[in-house]
C-alpha atoms as a PDB file:
ATOM      1  CA  UNK A   1      96.954  98.683  84.349  1.00  0.00           C
ATOM      2  CA  UNK A   2      98.595 100.643  87.349  1.00  0.00           C
ATOM      3  CA  UNK A   3      96.840 103.955  87.185  1.00  0.00           C
ATOM      4  CA  UNK A   4      93.560 104.500  88.770  1.00  0.00           C
ATOM      5  CA  UNK A   5      92.754 107.752  87.137  1.00  0.00           C
ATOM      6  CA  UNK A   6      93.010 108.682  83.550  1.00  0.00           C
ATOM      7  CA  UNK A   7      95.965 111.015  83.052  1.00  0.00           C
ATOM      8  CA  UNK A   8      96.172 114.099  80.833  1.00  0.00           C
ATOM      9  CA  UNK A   9      97.869 113.703  77.386  1.00  0.00           C
ATOM     10  CA  UNK A  10      99.145 117.169  76.773  1.00  0.00           C
ATOM     11  CA  UNK A  11     102.314 118.744  77.841  1.00  0.00           C
ATOM     12  CA  UNK A  12     102.963 120.506  81.136  1.00  0.00           C
ATOM     13  CA  UNK A  13     106.254 122.330  82.020  1.00  0.00           C
ATOM     14  CA  UNK A  14     107.818 121.025  78.863  1.00  0.00           C
ATOM     15  CA  UNK A  15     107.007 117.270  79.690  1.00  0.00           C
ATOM     16  CA  UNK A  16     104.441 114.898  78.178  1.00  0.00           C
ATOM     17  CA  UNK A  17     101.955 113.292  80.292  1.00  0.00           C
ATOM     18  CA  UNK A  18     103.964 109.886  79.868  1.00  0.00           C
ATOM     19  CA  UNK A  19     107.211 111.581  80.933  1.00  0.00           C
ATOM     20  CA  UNK A  20     105.317 113.118  83.999  1.00  0.00           C
ATOM     21  CA  UNK A  21     103.863 109.699  84.911  1.00  0.00           C
ATOM     22  CA  UNK A  22     107.369 107.947  84.511  1.00  0.00           C
ATOM     23  CA  UNK A  23     108.890 110.620  86.765  1.00  0.00           C
ATOM     24  CA  UNK A  24     106.309 110.241  89.533  1.00  0.00           C
ATOM     25  CA  UNK A  25     106.832 106.536  89.382  1.00  0.00           C
ATOM     26  CA  UNK A  26     110.413 106.857  89.711  1.00  0.00           C
ATOM     27  CA  UNK A  27     109.993 109.166  92.611  1.00  0.00           C
ATOM     28  CA  UNK A  28     107.675 106.781  94.424  1.00  0.00           C
ATOM     29  CA  UNK A  29     110.229 103.819  93.776  1.00  0.00           C
ATOM     30  CA  UNK A  30     113.244 105.892  94.944  1.00  0.00           C
ATOM     31  CA  UNK A  31     111.177 106.855  98.179  1.00  0.00           C
ATOM     32  CA  UNK A  32     110.192 103.095  98.626  1.00  0.00           C
ATOM     33  CA  UNK A  33     113.980 102.045  98.478  1.00  0.00           C
ATOM     34  CA  UNK A  34     114.596 104.469 101.166  1.00  0.00           C
ATOM     35  CA  UNK A  35     111.724 103.531 103.434  1.00  0.00           C
ATOM     36  CA  UNK A  36     111.540  99.892 102.650  1.00  0.00           C
ATOM     37  CA  UNK A  37     115.063  99.321 102.465  1.00  0.00           C
ATOM     38  CA  UNK A  38     115.807 101.219 105.728  1.00  0.00           C
ATOM     39  CA  UNK A  39     113.841 102.270 108.678  1.00  0.00           C
ATOM     40  CA  UNK A  40     110.839 101.757 109.066  1.00  0.00           C
ATOM     41  CA  UNK A  41     110.810  99.014 106.520  1.00  0.00           C
ATOM     42  CA  UNK A  42     107.858  97.867 104.183  1.00  0.00           C
ATOM     43  CA  UNK A  43     105.603  96.803 107.066  1.00  0.00           C
ATOM     44  CA  UNK A  44     105.989 100.074 109.038  1.00  0.00           C
ATOM     45  CA  UNK A  45     105.551 102.306 105.885  1.00  0.00           C
ATOM     46  CA  UNK A  46     102.104 103.907 105.114  1.00  0.00           C
ATOM     47  CA  UNK A  47     100.870 105.357 101.853  1.00  0.00           C
ATOM     48  CA  UNK A  48     100.969 108.898 103.400  1.00  0.00           C
ATOM     49  CA  UNK A  49     104.489 108.394 104.543  1.00  0.00           C
ATOM     50  CA  UNK A  50     105.578 107.142 101.233  1.00  0.00           C
ATOM     51  CA  UNK A  51     104.030 110.054  99.502  1.00  0.00           C
ATOM     52  CA  UNK A  52     105.498 112.627 101.771  1.00  0.00           C
ATOM     53  CA  UNK A  53     108.991 111.070 101.130  1.00  0.00           C
ATOM     54  CA  UNK A  54     108.423 111.085  97.265  1.00  0.00           C
ATOM     55  CA  UNK A  55     107.154 114.751  97.544  1.00  0.00           C
ATOM     56  CA  UNK A  56     103.854 113.874  95.923  1.00  0.00           C
ATOM     57  CA  UNK A  57     100.384 113.475  97.113  1.00  0.00           C
ATOM     58  CA  UNK A  58      98.551 110.318  98.099  1.00  0.00           C
ATOM     59  CA  UNK A  59      96.122 111.101  95.132  1.00  0.00           C
ATOM     60  CA  UNK A  60      99.206 110.684  92.782  1.00  0.00           C
ATOM     61  CA  UNK A  61     100.141 107.613  94.518  1.00  0.00           C
ATOM     62  CA  UNK A  62      96.730 105.941  93.710  1.00  0.00           C
ATOM     63  CA  UNK A  63      97.126 107.113  90.076  1.00  0.00           C
ATOM     64  CA  UNK A  64     100.307 104.945  90.042  1.00  0.00           C
ATOM     65  CA  UNK A  65      99.595 102.075  92.201  1.00  0.00           C
ATOM     66  CA  UNK A  66      96.780 100.215  93.882  1.00  0.00           C
ATOM     67  CA  UNK A  67      98.559  99.364  97.290  1.00  0.00           C
ATOM     68  CA  UNK A  68     101.886  99.556  98.738  1.00  0.00           C
ATOM     69  CA  UNK A  69     102.437  95.797  98.088  1.00  0.00           C
ATOM     70  CA  UNK A  70     102.412  96.966  94.203  1.00  0.00           C
ATOM     71  CA  UNK A  71     105.271  99.354  95.154  1.00  0.00           C
ATOM     72  CA  UNK A  72     107.139  96.620  96.867  1.00  0.00           C
ATOM     73  CA  UNK A  73     106.627  94.197  93.935  1.00  0.00           C
ATOM     74  CA  UNK A  74     107.944  96.932  91.360  1.00  0.00           C
ATOM     75  CA  UNK A  75     110.977  97.625  93.471  1.00  0.00           C
ATOM     76  CA  UNK A  76     111.792  93.932  93.971  1.00  0.00           C
ATOM     77  CA  UNK A  77     111.769  93.705  90.052  1.00  0.00           C
ATOM     78  CA  UNK A  78     113.765  96.849  89.582  1.00  0.00           C
ATOM     79  CA  UNK A  79     116.541  95.726  92.082  1.00  0.00           C
ATOM     80  CA  UNK A  80     116.722  92.301  90.442  1.00  0.00           C
ATOM     81  CA  UNK A  81     116.682  93.643  86.905  1.00  0.00           C
ATOM     82  CA  UNK A  82     119.696  95.858  87.880  1.00  0.00           C
ATOM     83  CA  UNK A  83     121.681  92.874  89.344  1.00  0.00           C
ATOM     84  CA  UNK A  84     120.651  90.811  86.303  1.00  0.00           C
ATOM     85  CA  UNK A  85     121.977  93.565  83.830  1.00  0.00           C
ATOM     86  CA  UNK A  86     125.356  93.691  85.716  1.00  0.00           C
ATOM     87  CA  UNK A  87     125.689  89.936  85.440  1.00  0.00           C
ATOM     88  CA  UNK A  88     124.695  89.696  81.843  1.00  0.00           C
ATOM     89  CA  UNK A  89     127.268  92.383  81.066  1.00  0.00           C
ATOM     90  CA  UNK A  90     129.984  90.461  82.965  1.00  0.00           C
ATOM     91  CA  UNK A  91     129.001  87.241  81.071  1.00  0.00           C
ATOM     92  CA  UNK A  92     129.575  89.019  77.713  1.00  0.00           C
ATOM     93  CA  UNK A  93     132.848  90.545  78.752  1.00  0.00           C
ATOM     94  CA  UNK A  94     134.359  87.463  80.180  1.00  0.00           C
ATOM     95  CA  UNK A  95     132.981  84.974  77.545  1.00  0.00           C
ATOM     96  CA  UNK A  96     136.414  84.060  76.151  1.00  0.00           C
ATOM     97  CA  UNK A  97     138.122  83.705  79.515  1.00  0.00           C
ATOM     98  CA  UNK A  98     138.912  80.386  81.148  1.00  0.00           C
ATOM     99  CA  UNK A  99     136.013  79.041  83.452  1.00  0.00           C
ATOM    100  CA  UNK A 100     137.445  79.967  86.852  1.00  0.00           C
ATOM    101  CA  UNK A 101     138.045  83.533  85.617  1.00  0.00           C
ATOM    102  CA  UNK A 102     134.523  83.716  83.891  1.00  0.00           C
ATOM    103  CA  UNK A 103     132.954  82.512  87.149  1.00  0.00           C
ATOM    104  CA  UNK A 104     134.907  85.090  89.364  1.00  0.00           C
ATOM    105  CA  UNK A 105     134.021  87.907  86.957  1.00  0.00           C
ATOM    106  CA  UNK A 106     130.372  87.073  87.055  1.00  0.00           C
ATOM    107  CA  UNK A 107     130.214  86.743  91.005  1.00  0.00           C
ATOM    108  CA  UNK A 108     132.200  90.043  91.362  1.00  0.00           C
ATOM    109  CA  UNK A 109     129.586  91.796  89.111  1.00  0.00           C
ATOM    110  CA  UNK A 110     126.722  90.394  91.081  1.00  0.00           C
ATOM    111  CA  UNK A 111     127.982  90.760  94.559  1.00  0.00           C
ATOM    112  CA  UNK A 112     129.238  94.379  93.667  1.00  0.00           C
ATOM    113  CA  UNK A 113     125.686  95.309  92.525  1.00  0.00           C
ATOM    114  CA  UNK A 114     123.631  93.884  95.352  1.00  0.00           C
ATOM    115  CA  UNK A 115     125.937  94.857  98.195  1.00  0.00           C
ATOM    116  CA  UNK A 116     126.606  98.278  96.579  1.00  0.00           C
ATOM    117  CA  UNK A 117     123.455  99.523  98.617  1.00  0.00           C
ATOM    118  CA  UNK A 118     122.365  97.562 101.738  1.00  0.00           C
ATOM    119  CA  UNK A 119     118.807  98.705 100.994  1.00  0.00           C
ATOM    120  CA  UNK A 120     118.811  96.752  97.835  1.00  0.00           C
ATOM    121  CA  UNK A 121     119.954  93.558  99.742  1.00  0.00           C
ATOM    122  CA  UNK A 122     117.218  94.353 102.309  1.00  0.00           C
ATOM    123  CA  UNK A 123     114.581  94.512  99.623  1.00  0.00           C
ATOM    124  CA  UNK A 124     115.699  91.316  97.837  1.00  0.00           C
ATOM    125  CA  UNK A 125     116.478  89.123 100.886  1.00  0.00           C
ATOM    126  CA  UNK A 126     114.257  90.361 103.680  1.00  0.00           C
ATOM    127  CA  UNK A 127     111.353  92.779 102.879  1.00  0.00           C
ATOM    128  CA  UNK A 128     109.895  90.672 100.170  1.00  0.00           C
ATOM    129  CA  UNK A 129     109.664  87.395 102.188  1.00  0.00           C
ATOM    130  CA  UNK A 130     106.320  86.302 103.488  1.00  0.00           C
ATOM    131  CA  UNK A 131     104.379  89.331 102.310  1.00  0.00           C
ATOM    132  CA  UNK A 132     101.764  87.631 100.356  1.00  0.00           C
ATOM    133  CA  UNK A 133     101.329  84.393  98.073  1.00  0.00           C
ATOM    134  CA  UNK A 134     101.627  86.795  95.174  1.00  0.00           C
ATOM    135  CA  UNK A 135     105.028  88.184  96.215  1.00  0.00           C
ATOM    136  CA  UNK A 136     106.379  84.789  97.126  1.00  0.00           C
ATOM    137  CA  UNK A 137     105.567  83.713  93.773  1.00  0.00           C
ATOM    138  CA  UNK A 138     107.486  86.621  92.263  1.00  0.00           C
ATOM    139  CA  UNK A 139     110.453  85.893  94.555  1.00  0.00           C
ATOM    140  CA  UNK A 140     110.586  82.318  93.616  1.00  0.00           C
ATOM    141  CA  UNK A 141     110.256  83.189  89.806  1.00  0.00           C
ATOM    142  CA  UNK A 142     113.067  85.745  90.099  1.00  0.00           C
ATOM    143  CA  UNK A 143     115.218  83.128  91.867  1.00  0.00           C
ATOM    144  CA  UNK A 144     114.499  80.576  89.173  1.00  0.00           C
ATOM    145  CA  UNK A 145     115.923  82.999  86.635  1.00  0.00           C
ATOM    146  CA  UNK A 146     119.120  83.078  88.419  1.00  0.00           C
ATOM    147  CA  UNK A 147     119.109  79.311  88.517  1.00  0.00           C
ATOM    148  CA  UNK A 148     118.545  79.336  84.663  1.00  0.00           C
ATOM    149  CA  UNK A 149     121.673  81.571  84.386  1.00  0.00           C
ATOM    150  CA  UNK A 150     123.847  79.339  86.364  1.00  0.00           C
ATOM    151  CA  UNK A 151     122.451  76.221  84.448  1.00  0.00           C
ATOM    152  CA  UNK A 152     123.111  77.915  81.017  1.00  0.00           C
ATOM    153  CA  UNK A 153     126.757  78.695  82.009  1.00  0.00           C
ATOM    154  CA  UNK A 154     127.182  75.149  83.366  1.00  0.00           C
ATOM    155  CA  UNK A 155     125.833  73.642  80.248  1.00  0.00           C
ATOM    156  CA  UNK A 156     128.050  75.727  78.045  1.00  0.00           C
ATOM    157  CA  UNK A 157     131.121  75.030  80.133  1.00  0.00           C
ATOM    158  CA  UNK A 158     130.356  71.104  79.863  1.00  0.00           C
ATOM    159  CA  UNK A 159     129.990  71.587  76.089  1.00  0.00           C
ATOM    160  CA  UNK A 160     133.429  73.145  76.072  1.00  0.00           C
ATOM    161  CA  UNK A 161     134.849  70.268  78.099  1.00  0.00           C
ATOM    162  CA  UNK A 162     135.429  72.605  81.073  1.00  0.00           C
ATOM    163  CA  UNK A 163     132.809  70.958  83.400  1.00  0.00           C
ATOM    164  CA  UNK A 164     131.347  67.808  84.029  1.00  0.00           C
ATOM    165  CA  UNK A 165     128.248  66.900  81.935  1.00  0.00           C
ATOM    166  CA  UNK A 166     125.185  66.635  84.090  1.00  0.00           C
ATOM    167  CA  UNK A 167     121.859  68.137  84.984  1.00  0.00           C
ATOM    168  CA  UNK A 168     122.714  71.106  86.991  1.00  0.00           C
ATOM    169  CA  UNK A 169     119.267  72.269  88.084  1.00  0.00           C
ATOM    170  CA  UNK A 170     119.074  70.898  91.581  1.00  0.00           C
ATOM    171  CA  UNK A 171     122.691  71.860  92.283  1.00  0.00           C
ATOM    172  CA  UNK A 172     122.302  75.362  91.097  1.00  0.00           C
ATOM    173  CA  UNK A 173     119.045  75.847  93.097  1.00  0.00           C
ATOM    174  CA  UNK A 174     120.987  74.808  96.218  1.00  0.00           C
ATOM    175  CA  UNK A 175     123.840  76.953  95.277  1.00  0.00           C
ATOM    176  CA  UNK A 176     121.648  80.118  94.809  1.00  0.00           C
ATOM    177  CA  UNK A 177     120.463  79.553  98.537  1.00  0.00           C
ATOM    178  CA  UNK A 178     124.274  79.754  99.490  1.00  0.00           C
ATOM    179  CA  UNK A 179     124.798  82.732  97.633  1.00  0.00           C
ATOM    180  CA  UNK A 180     121.773  84.720  98.984  1.00  0.00           C
ATOM    181  CA  UNK A 181     122.432  83.591 102.534  1.00  0.00           C
ATOM    182  CA  UNK A 182     126.095  84.373 102.470  1.00  0.00           C
ATOM    183  CA  UNK A 183     125.713  87.843 100.903  1.00  0.00           C
ATOM    184  CA  UNK A 184     122.825  88.768 103.306  1.00  0.00           C
ATOM    185  CA  UNK A 185     124.886  87.607 106.333  1.00  0.00           C
ATOM    186  CA  UNK A 186     127.957  89.472 105.090  1.00  0.00           C
ATOM    187  CA  UNK A 187     125.960  92.639 104.563  1.00  0.00           C
ATOM    188  CA  UNK A 188     124.430  92.405 107.913  1.00  0.00           C
ATOM    189  CA  UNK A 189     127.970  92.222 109.464  1.00  0.00           C
ATOM    190  CA  UNK A 190     127.610  88.492 110.595  1.00  0.00           C
ATOM    191  CA  UNK A 191     130.543  87.297 108.466  1.00  0.00           C
ATOM    192  CA  UNK A 192     134.052  88.386 109.331  1.00  0.00           C
ATOM    193  CA  UNK A 193     135.456  88.617 105.704  1.00  0.00           C
ATOM    194  CA  UNK A 194     135.864  91.084 103.059  1.00  0.00           C
ATOM    195  CA  UNK A 195     133.587  91.065  99.944  1.00  0.00           C
ATOM    196  CA  UNK A 196     136.469  89.529  97.996  1.00  0.00           C
ATOM    197  CA  UNK A 197     136.781  86.799 100.408  1.00  0.00           C
ATOM    198  CA  UNK A 198     133.027  86.050 100.074  1.00  0.00           C
ATOM    199  CA  UNK A 199     133.289  86.123  96.304  1.00  0.00           C
ATOM    200  CA  UNK A 200     136.372  83.736  96.430  1.00  0.00           C
ATOM    201  CA  UNK A 201     134.320  81.287  98.521  1.00  0.00           C
ATOM    202  CA  UNK A 202     131.351  81.239  96.291  1.00  0.00           C
ATOM    203  CA  UNK A 203     133.592  80.763  93.231  1.00  0.00           C
ATOM    204  CA  UNK A 204     135.330  77.816  95.072  1.00  0.00           C
ATOM    205  CA  UNK A 205     131.764  76.248  95.754  1.00  0.00           C
ATOM    206  CA  UNK A 206     130.581  76.739  92.301  1.00  0.00           C
ATOM    207  CA  UNK A 207     133.849  75.296  90.687  1.00  0.00           C
ATOM    208  CA  UNK A 208     133.599  72.286  93.102  1.00  0.00           C
ATOM    209  CA  UNK A 209     129.905  71.771  91.643  1.00  0.00           C
ATOM    210  CA  UNK A 210     131.289  72.013  88.050  1.00  0.00           C
ATOM    211  CA  UNK A 211     134.292  70.047  88.538  1.00  0.00           C
ATOM    212  CA  UNK A 212     133.579  67.164  91.075  1.00  0.00           C
ATOM    213  CA  UNK A 213     136.433  65.264  92.531  1.00  0.00           C
ATOM    214  CA  UNK A 214     137.565  62.512  90.112  1.00  0.00           C
ATOM    215  CA  UNK A 215     136.570  64.386  87.107  1.00  0.00           C
ATOM    216  CA  UNK A 216     139.232  65.816  84.676  1.00  0.00           C
ATOM    217  CA  UNK A 217     138.677  68.380  82.095  1.00  0.00           C
ATOM    218  CA  UNK A 218     138.630  67.298  78.262  1.00  0.00           C
ATOM    219  CA  UNK A 219     142.056  67.668  76.653  1.00  0.00           C
ATOM    220  CA  UNK A 220     142.413  70.993  74.617  1.00  0.00           C
END
């Protein structure tokens, strides 16, 4: 339960109580993306500042959230959900393509989404880190979902004879670290390359994991 006060259930200005609550929550999260994902950042933001940016009152804040940490947690999930939706759609669209083309399509979808707004990258890779044990557990849990996605794709590729059959969990976990680090550094301007260059490098790395030296694909 996120609300602290019982909300009215009737209509007001043509909207139900549930619709008004969803709109308030969206406005708080939009304001949090602006403040947490840019200046002053999560640690420099107050409830009053967030409420002002959302155009709402602190009373309305406490109807939706207990603390600013709850807002950051919700925003982190929202950003990850958006990226995951983009990747799942790319999986579906590229399902019948050769492995290299599937991997490229998937990483273009992921990189395009997370780098489309630098604030989302900062939420995912910077602001969430080290806040509390609870948010660290959430961050690692979401990273595990990405590992699961890579393992599922690798296992399917192996079943098709396109990749070496093996347990990919350790390699996928290490690879996710490379993805996050490279995309963060690129977005911060520390990597002199285009986003296409970054995606191509990640694709080469993953294909190297899926098709190690000495392994040959099964005959079609």
